[in-house]
Amino acid sequence: MSGFMMRGVVGVSKFKGALVGALLGDCLGAPFEGENEPSTDTLQEYFDSMENPSTKAPVKRFTDDTAMTLGILKSFIELGCFDERDIANRFVTNYFREPNRGYGESVVTVFKKLRQILNSSNRSNSETDVWKPAQQQFNGSGSLGNGGAMRIAPVALYCYSDYKLLLSTAEKCTKLTHTHKLGVNGALLQALAVQQSLMVDSSQPLDVDCFINDLMAKMTEVEKANGNGTDNDIEMPYVEQLKIVKNLLMSENLDDEVVIDLLGNSIRAQYSVPTALFCFLRAQKPIESIQTENKFRRTLQYSISLGGDTDTIASMAGAMSGAYHGLEYINEGLQSHCEGVDEIINLSEQLHSIAPSPPEHQT
């Protein structure tokens, strides 16, 4: 992939594309969450309708995926760095202001404990206390869900020029709610995939094989360093999932049932982040059941067609696709039907203006 890697500062269009892509995946995927493989005809009509300028329909609301992404995004913009207490406070404030965004019961438990900590008059241990509620989840093992991965795009963008900072910040950001190794490593994989997508020149065809090989090499180092958690007897589960992604991409006449069986479509990070990656990479070529030439739309439509945790998987895949293609490639009709697009675009510009540039471009 090195021959296609961009050099220097990444353009603002890619920042916008990543965050708008994540938002659209969330909004457009949410109505199908929990369904067992929505019909291809239904999805074709759905996306055709959304792209039609004459279509009048209620705006598709975003879920907790985007609500938490916005919290991280605004924190970076206002403080210019990662601040765990500030982000925790934004998560809590956003939840109690709008609790009907589809938050899971487990993370709500974390938020309730965090609110007590944040409102405590004893501030002496506040910096360390914000980590405790997540550490207490599931009898101390922590959550292995995809809640860290679904919101990690702002970290991938802000830290795109510093690999070590990207990994450390993504891990800390995730551990505010998810501390199981599989939950953390899933968020790291998502952050790395978005960062790689950001750094690839979209004027060239994406070298899918190199893209997946680069991710496998990085996740090998991540899983060697982090481990995989106490309930998993596979030495490097994410590397194994990436091997499955690579093998599936080389297959012909893929059956979606096989994809679901092998990669999953659940809320577990291990069985959703690699799935999102597969959707993005598979959409680089035509898919018989999807009638569109636009690879971004194809990514979202295919992600949703697999059923299960459709909003989060489509959001994660949309972040990768948007980071690769840039905002201009994303259909304006799709954007017009989703809540919060203008705000996300504005915030993307602000994040781009403060994101540290590569060393050779720093003065």
Protein backbone atom coordinates (compact mmCIF):
# COMPACT_ATOMS: atom_id res chain seq x y z
CA MET A 1 0.00 0.00 0.00
CA SER A 2 2.96 2.31 0.42
CA GLY A 3 2.81 3.39 -3.20
CA PHE A 4 -0.63 4.86 -2.61
CA MET A 5 -0.01 6.46 0.76
CA MET A 6 -0.48 10.20 0.87
CA ARG A 7 2.35 12.38 2.02
CA GLY A 8 1.91 15.48 4.14
CA VAL A 9 -1.24 17.04 5.51
CA VAL A 10 -4.54 15.26 4.83
CA GLY A 11 -7.17 17.46 3.19
CA VAL A 12 -10.25 18.63 5.05
CA SER A 13 -12.56 16.77 2.64
CA LYS A 14 -11.34 13.46 4.05
CA PHE A 15 -12.00 14.61 7.63
CA LYS A 16 -15.51 15.61 6.60
CA GLY A 17 -16.00 12.38 4.69
CA ALA A 18 -15.02 10.22 7.66
CA LEU A 19 -17.37 11.90 10.11
CA VAL A 20 -20.25 12.37 7.68
CA GLY A 21 -19.76 8.74 6.61
CA ALA A 22 -20.01 7.59 10.21
CA LEU A 23 -23.11 9.72 10.77
CA LEU A 24 -24.90 8.49 7.64
CA GLY A 25 -24.16 4.87 8.43
CA ASP A 26 -25.66 5.39 11.88
CA CYS A 27 -28.76 7.27 10.70
CA LEU A 28 -29.54 5.10 7.67
CA GLY A 29 -28.73 1.83 9.40
CA ALA A 30 -30.72 2.48 12.58
CA PRO A 31 -34.19 1.65 11.16
CA PHE A 32 -32.97 -1.87 10.32
CA GLU A 33 -31.18 -2.66 13.59
CA GLY A 34 -31.91 -6.17 14.82
CA GLU A 35 -33.40 -7.35 11.53
CA ASN A 36 -32.33 -10.66 10.09
CA GLU A 37 -30.88 -9.60 6.75
CA PRO A 38 -33.25 -6.95 5.30
CA SER A 39 -34.34 -7.82 1.78
CA THR A 40 -32.20 -6.57 -1.08
CA ASP A 41 -35.26 -5.08 -2.79
CA THR A 42 -36.23 -3.15 0.33
CA LEU A 43 -32.75 -1.71 0.71
CA GLN A 44 -32.45 -0.87 -2.98
CA GLU A 45 -35.71 1.09 -2.84
CA TYR A 46 -34.70 2.68 0.45
CA PHE A 47 -31.39 4.03 -0.85
CA ASP A 48 -32.83 4.99 -4.25
CA SER A 49 -35.48 6.99 -2.43
CA MET A 50 -32.96 8.70 -0.16
CA GLU A 51 -30.90 9.76 -3.19
CA ASN A 52 -33.95 11.13 -5.01
CA PRO A 53 -34.09 14.95 -4.53
CA SER A 54 -37.89 14.90 -4.68
CA THR A 55 -38.28 12.45 -1.79
CA LYS A 56 -39.95 13.96 1.25
CA ALA A 57 -39.43 11.95 4.42
CA PRO A 58 -38.78 12.52 8.13
CA VAL A 59 -35.13 13.10 8.94
CA LYS A 60 -33.37 9.94 10.08
CA ARG A 61 -32.24 10.45 13.67
CA PHE A 62 -28.80 9.45 14.84
CA THR A 63 -28.28 7.06 17.75
CA ASP A 64 -25.89 6.77 20.68
CA ASP A 65 -23.11 6.03 18.17
CA THR A 66 -23.13 9.61 16.90
CA ALA A 67 -24.11 11.18 20.25
CA MET A 68 -20.91 9.82 21.79
CA THR A 69 -18.85 10.64 18.71
CA LEU A 70 -20.01 14.25 19.03
CA GLY A 71 -18.93 14.32 22.66
CA ILE A 72 -15.39 13.26 21.78
CA LEU A 73 -15.26 15.54 18.76
CA LYS A 74 -16.33 18.64 20.67
CA SER A 75 -13.94 17.87 23.51
CA PHE A 76 -10.95 17.73 21.17
CA ILE A 77 -12.00 20.95 19.47
CA GLU A 78 -12.57 22.91 22.66
CA LEU A 79 -9.57 21.61 24.65
CA GLY A 80 -7.12 20.69 21.89
CA CYS A 81 -6.19 17.42 23.58
CA PHE A 82 -7.62 14.25 25.11
CA ASP A 83 -9.17 14.92 28.52
CA GLU A 84 -10.85 11.92 30.12
CA ARG A 85 -12.85 13.91 32.64
CA ASP A 86 -14.21 16.29 30.02
CA ILE A 87 -15.23 13.47 27.68
CA ALA A 88 -16.81 11.51 30.52
CA ASN A 89 -18.78 14.59 31.49
CA ARG A 90 -19.97 15.08 27.91
CA PHE A 91 -21.06 11.43 27.68
CA VAL A 92 -23.06 11.79 30.90
CA THR A 93 -24.56 15.16 30.00
CA ASN A 94 -25.60 14.01 26.53
CA TYR A 95 -27.17 10.84 27.88
CA PHE A 96 -29.26 12.49 30.59
CA ARG A 97 -30.34 15.23 28.20
CA GLU A 98 -31.36 12.75 25.47
CA PRO A 99 -31.62 9.24 26.92
CA ASN A 100 -33.68 7.95 23.99
CA ARG A 101 -30.79 7.64 21.54
CA GLY A 102 -30.61 3.86 21.87
CA TYR A 103 -28.02 3.51 24.62
CA GLY A 104 -27.42 -0.01 25.93
CA GLU A 105 -28.21 -0.89 29.52
CA SER A 106 -24.60 -1.61 30.39
CA VAL A 107 -23.26 1.77 29.35
CA VAL A 108 -26.16 3.51 31.10
CA THR A 109 -24.96 1.87 34.33
CA VAL A 110 -21.53 3.38 33.68
CA PHE A 111 -23.05 6.82 33.06
CA LYS A 112 -25.04 6.74 36.29
CA LYS A 113 -21.91 5.95 38.28
CA LEU A 114 -19.93 8.57 36.39
CA ARG A 115 -22.53 11.22 37.18
CA GLN A 116 -22.10 10.53 40.89
CA ILE A 117 -18.33 10.80 40.57
CA LEU A 118 -18.45 13.96 38.47
CA ASN A 119 -20.93 15.62 40.83
CA SER A 120 -19.01 14.63 43.96
CA SER A 121 -17.78 17.48 46.10
CA ASN A 122 -14.58 15.51 46.72
CA ARG A 123 -12.48 16.28 43.64
CA SER A 124 -9.19 14.97 44.95
CA ASN A 125 -9.39 11.65 43.12
CA SER A 126 -11.54 12.77 40.19
CA GLU A 127 -8.90 12.10 37.56
CA THR A 128 -8.61 8.43 38.47
CA ASP A 129 -12.22 7.83 39.52
CA VAL A 130 -13.67 8.33 36.03
CA TRP A 131 -12.10 5.04 34.93
CA LYS A 132 -13.62 2.94 37.72
CA PRO A 133 -17.23 2.44 36.56
CA ALA A 134 -16.15 0.80 33.30
CA GLN A 135 -13.62 -1.37 35.15
CA GLN A 136 -16.41 -2.69 37.38
CA GLN A 137 -18.59 -3.88 34.51
CA PHE A 138 -19.36 -7.61 34.17
CA ASN A 139 -17.79 -8.56 37.49
CA GLY A 140 -14.60 -6.74 36.68
CA SER A 141 -13.94 -8.21 33.23
CA GLY A 142 -15.22 -5.13 31.41
CA SER A 143 -17.36 -4.83 28.30
CA LEU A 144 -16.24 -6.46 25.05
CA GLY A 145 -18.85 -4.64 22.96
CA ASN A 146 -18.30 -2.30 20.01
CA GLY A 147 -19.25 0.87 21.92
CA GLY A 148 -15.66 2.08 21.92
CA ALA A 149 -15.13 1.35 18.24
CA MET A 150 -18.35 3.02 17.08
CA ARG A 151 -17.27 6.45 18.36
CA ILE A 152 -13.51 6.35 17.73
CA ALA A 153 -13.34 8.20 14.38
CA PRO A 154 -12.50 11.62 15.90
CA VAL A 155 -9.47 10.07 17.61
CA ALA A 156 -8.29 8.53 14.33
CA LEU A 157 -8.56 11.92 12.65
CA TYR A 158 -7.03 14.07 15.37
CA CYS A 159 -4.10 11.68 15.83
CA TYR A 160 -3.67 10.65 12.18
CA SER A 161 -0.09 11.90 11.95
CA ASP A 162 1.18 10.23 15.15
CA TYR A 163 0.82 6.43 15.28
CA LYS A 164 1.77 6.02 18.94
CA LEU A 165 -0.51 8.86 20.01
CA LEU A 166 -3.33 7.32 17.98
CA LEU A 167 -3.05 3.97 19.77
CA SER A 168 -2.67 5.39 23.27
CA THR A 169 -5.49 7.92 22.88
CA ALA A 170 -7.86 5.43 21.30
CA GLU A 171 -7.22 3.00 24.15
CA LYS A 172 -7.85 5.60 26.85
CA CYS A 173 -10.94 6.90 25.11
CA THR A 174 -12.37 3.40 24.87
CA LYS A 175 -11.63 2.50 28.49
CA LEU A 176 -14.02 5.17 29.74
CA THR A 177 -16.78 2.64 29.01
CA HIS A 178 -15.18 -0.59 27.69
CA THR A 179 -12.20 -2.21 29.39
CA HIS A 180 -12.21 -5.82 28.16
CA LYS A 181 -9.24 -6.45 25.87
CA LEU A 182 -11.54 -7.49 23.03
CA GLY A 183 -13.51 -4.27 23.34
CA VAL A 184 -10.36 -2.16 23.47
CA ASN A 185 -8.57 -3.95 20.64
CA GLY A 186 -11.69 -3.70 18.48
CA ALA A 187 -11.64 0.06 18.91
CA LEU A 188 -7.94 0.13 18.05
CA LEU A 189 -8.63 -1.83 14.86
CA GLN A 190 -11.37 0.60 13.89
CA ALA A 191 -9.13 3.60 14.58
CA LEU A 192 -6.31 2.10 12.53
CA ALA A 193 -8.66 1.29 9.64
CA VAL A 194 -10.02 4.85 9.56
CA GLN A 195 -6.51 6.30 9.76
CA GLN A 196 -5.30 4.08 6.92
CA SER A 197 -8.33 5.05 4.82
CA LEU A 198 -7.56 8.68 5.51
CA MET A 199 -3.97 8.31 4.36
CA VAL A 200 -4.68 6.50 1.07
CA ASP A 201 -4.90 8.55 -2.12
CA SER A 202 -8.41 7.90 -3.45
CA SER A 203 -7.42 9.02 -6.96
CA GLN A 204 -5.76 5.61 -7.25
CA PRO A 205 -7.64 2.28 -7.03
CA LEU A 206 -7.49 0.93 -3.50
CA ASP A 207 -5.02 -1.93 -3.18
CA VAL A 208 -7.26 -4.08 -1.00
CA ASP A 209 -4.65 -6.77 -0.43
CA CYS A 210 -2.06 -4.29 0.81
CA PHE A 211 -4.66 -2.51 2.93
CA ILE A 212 -5.60 -5.67 4.81
CA ASN A 213 -1.97 -6.82 5.10
CA ASP A 214 -0.98 -3.52 6.69
CA LEU A 215 -3.81 -3.83 9.21
CA MET A 216 -2.86 -7.41 10.01
CA ALA A 217 0.72 -6.39 10.72
CA LYS A 218 -0.40 -3.57 13.03
CA MET A 219 -2.94 -5.71 14.87
CA THR A 220 -0.35 -8.43 15.36
CA GLU A 221 1.72 -5.94 17.35
CA VAL A 222 -1.36 -4.64 19.19
CA GLU A 223 -2.54 -8.09 20.25
CA LYS A 224 0.95 -9.20 21.25
CA ALA A 225 1.21 -6.15 23.49
CA ASN A 226 -2.36 -6.02 24.84
CA GLY A 227 -3.40 -9.65 25.05
CA ASN A 228 -6.93 -10.77 24.24
CA GLY A 229 -8.80 -11.09 27.54
CA THR A 230 -9.41 -13.96 29.90
CA ASP A 231 -12.34 -15.61 28.09
CA ASN A 232 -10.75 -16.09 24.69
CA ASP A 233 -8.43 -19.01 23.98
CA ILE A 234 -7.41 -17.69 20.55
CA GLU A 235 -4.00 -16.07 20.79
CA MET A 236 -4.73 -13.19 18.38
CA PRO A 237 -8.48 -13.15 17.67
CA TYR A 238 -8.50 -9.97 15.60
CA VAL A 239 -5.65 -11.14 13.41
CA GLU A 240 -7.61 -14.35 12.86
CA GLN A 241 -10.70 -12.34 11.91
CA LEU A 242 -8.63 -10.28 9.49
CA LYS A 243 -7.38 -13.48 7.88
CA ILE A 244 -11.01 -14.46 7.34
CA VAL A 245 -11.70 -11.03 5.82
CA LYS A 246 -8.80 -11.54 3.42
CA ASN A 247 -9.95 -15.02 2.42
CA LEU A 248 -13.54 -13.90 1.89
CA LEU A 249 -12.39 -11.03 -0.31
CA MET A 250 -10.63 -13.52 -2.56
CA SER A 251 -13.75 -15.69 -2.86
CA GLU A 252 -16.19 -15.59 -5.75
CA ASN A 253 -19.98 -15.81 -5.50
CA LEU A 254 -19.97 -15.03 -1.80
CA ASP A 255 -22.99 -16.09 0.21
CA ASP A 256 -23.99 -13.48 2.79
CA GLU A 257 -24.87 -16.23 5.25
CA VAL A 258 -21.26 -17.40 5.12
CA VAL A 259 -20.06 -13.84 5.78
CA ILE A 260 -22.35 -13.55 8.80
CA ASP A 261 -21.38 -16.97 10.13
CA LEU A 262 -17.66 -16.28 9.84
CA LEU A 263 -17.43 -12.58 10.69
CA GLY A 264 -20.62 -11.91 12.66
CA ASN A 265 -23.01 -8.96 12.85
CA SER A 266 -23.43 -8.60 16.61
CA ILE A 267 -22.64 -5.91 19.19
CA ARG A 268 -19.41 -7.67 20.16
CA ALA A 269 -16.44 -5.78 18.78
CA GLN A 270 -14.75 -8.98 17.64
CA TYR A 271 -17.77 -9.82 15.51
CA SER A 272 -18.58 -6.39 14.10
CA VAL A 273 -15.43 -4.31 13.53
CA PRO A 274 -13.87 -6.82 11.10
CA THR A 275 -17.31 -7.10 9.47
CA ALA A 276 -17.39 -3.35 8.89
CA LEU A 277 -13.91 -3.51 7.38
CA PHE A 278 -15.01 -6.32 5.09
CA CYS A 279 -18.02 -4.29 3.93
CA PHE A 280 -15.80 -1.33 3.05
CA LEU A 281 -13.28 -3.44 1.16
CA ARG A 282 -15.84 -5.61 -0.62
CA ALA A 283 -17.63 -2.49 -1.84
CA GLN A 284 -14.58 -1.52 -3.88
CA LYS A 285 -15.99 -3.86 -6.53
CA PRO A 286 -19.57 -4.22 -7.81
CA ILE A 287 -21.95 -6.32 -5.73
CA GLU A 288 -24.59 -8.09 -7.77
CA SER A 289 -27.45 -7.41 -5.37
CA ILE A 290 -26.71 -3.66 -5.13
CA GLN A 291 -27.46 -1.38 -8.07
CA THR A 292 -25.18 1.62 -7.71
CA GLU A 293 -21.81 2.73 -9.04
CA ASN A 294 -21.10 4.76 -5.90
CA LYS A 295 -18.74 2.84 -3.61
CA PHE A 296 -19.73 4.79 -0.50
CA ARG A 297 -23.41 4.02 -0.94
CA ARG A 298 -22.50 0.43 -1.80
CA THR A 299 -20.58 0.18 1.48
CA LEU A 300 -23.53 1.33 3.58
CA GLN A 301 -26.12 -0.65 1.65
CA TYR A 302 -24.13 -3.85 1.92
CA SER A 303 -23.38 -3.28 5.62
CA ILE A 304 -27.09 -2.94 6.38
CA SER A 305 -27.98 -5.94 4.23
CA LEU A 306 -26.14 -8.22 6.66
CA GLY A 307 -28.62 -7.38 9.42
CA GLY A 308 -27.86 -7.45 13.14
CA ASP A 309 -26.20 -4.34 14.59
CA THR A 310 -26.82 -2.43 11.38
CA ASP A 311 -26.39 1.13 12.63
CA THR A 312 -23.01 0.53 14.25
CA ILE A 313 -21.56 -1.70 11.53
CA ALA A 314 -22.70 0.73 8.82
CA SER A 315 -21.35 3.66 10.84
CA MET A 316 -17.92 2.06 11.24
CA ALA A 317 -17.79 1.06 7.56
CA GLY A 318 -19.05 4.52 6.58
CA ALA A 319 -16.24 6.17 8.52
CA MET A 320 -13.66 4.11 6.59
CA SER A 321 -15.31 4.74 3.22
CA GLY A 322 -15.83 8.44 3.88
CA ALA A 323 -12.24 8.86 5.03
CA TYR A 324 -11.04 7.23 1.84
CA HIS A 325 -13.33 8.99 -0.66
CA GLY A 326 -13.85 12.40 0.93
CA LEU A 327 -17.07 14.37 1.37
CA GLU A 328 -17.55 15.28 -2.28
CA TYR A 329 -18.05 11.63 -3.18
CA ILE A 330 -20.97 11.21 -0.76
CA ASN A 331 -24.38 11.76 -2.34
CA GLU A 332 -26.01 14.98 -1.14
CA GLY A 333 -29.43 13.34 -1.17
CA LEU A 334 -28.28 10.81 1.42
CA GLN A 335 -26.89 13.64 3.50
CA SER A 336 -30.10 15.65 3.35
CA HIS A 337 -32.11 12.90 5.04
CA CYS A 338 -29.86 12.56 8.09
CA GLU A 339 -29.89 14.53 11.32
CA GLY A 340 -26.84 16.59 12.22
CA VAL A 341 -24.96 16.68 8.91
CA ASP A 342 -24.33 20.43 8.89
CA GLU A 343 -23.06 20.33 12.47
CA ILE A 344 -20.76 17.39 11.73
CA ILE A 345 -19.31 19.15 8.67
CA ASN A 346 -18.67 22.31 10.67
CA LEU A 347 -17.02 20.37 13.49
CA SER A 348 -14.94 18.40 10.97
CA GLU A 349 -13.49 21.66 9.67
CA GLN A 350 -12.62 22.76 13.18
CA LEU A 351 -11.00 19.43 14.02
CA HIS A 352 -8.95 19.56 10.82
CA SER A 353 -7.69 23.03 11.72
CA ILE A 354 -6.27 21.86 15.08
CA ALA A 355 -5.13 18.31 14.27
CA PRO A 356 -1.32 18.04 14.56
CA SER A 357 0.28 17.90 11.14
CA PRO A 358 3.01 15.39 10.19
CA PRO A 359 6.43 16.27 11.64
CA GLU A 360 7.87 17.46 8.35
CA HIS A 361 5.06 20.00 8.09
CA GLN A 362 5.33 21.35 11.62
CA THR A 363 7.01 24.67 12.15
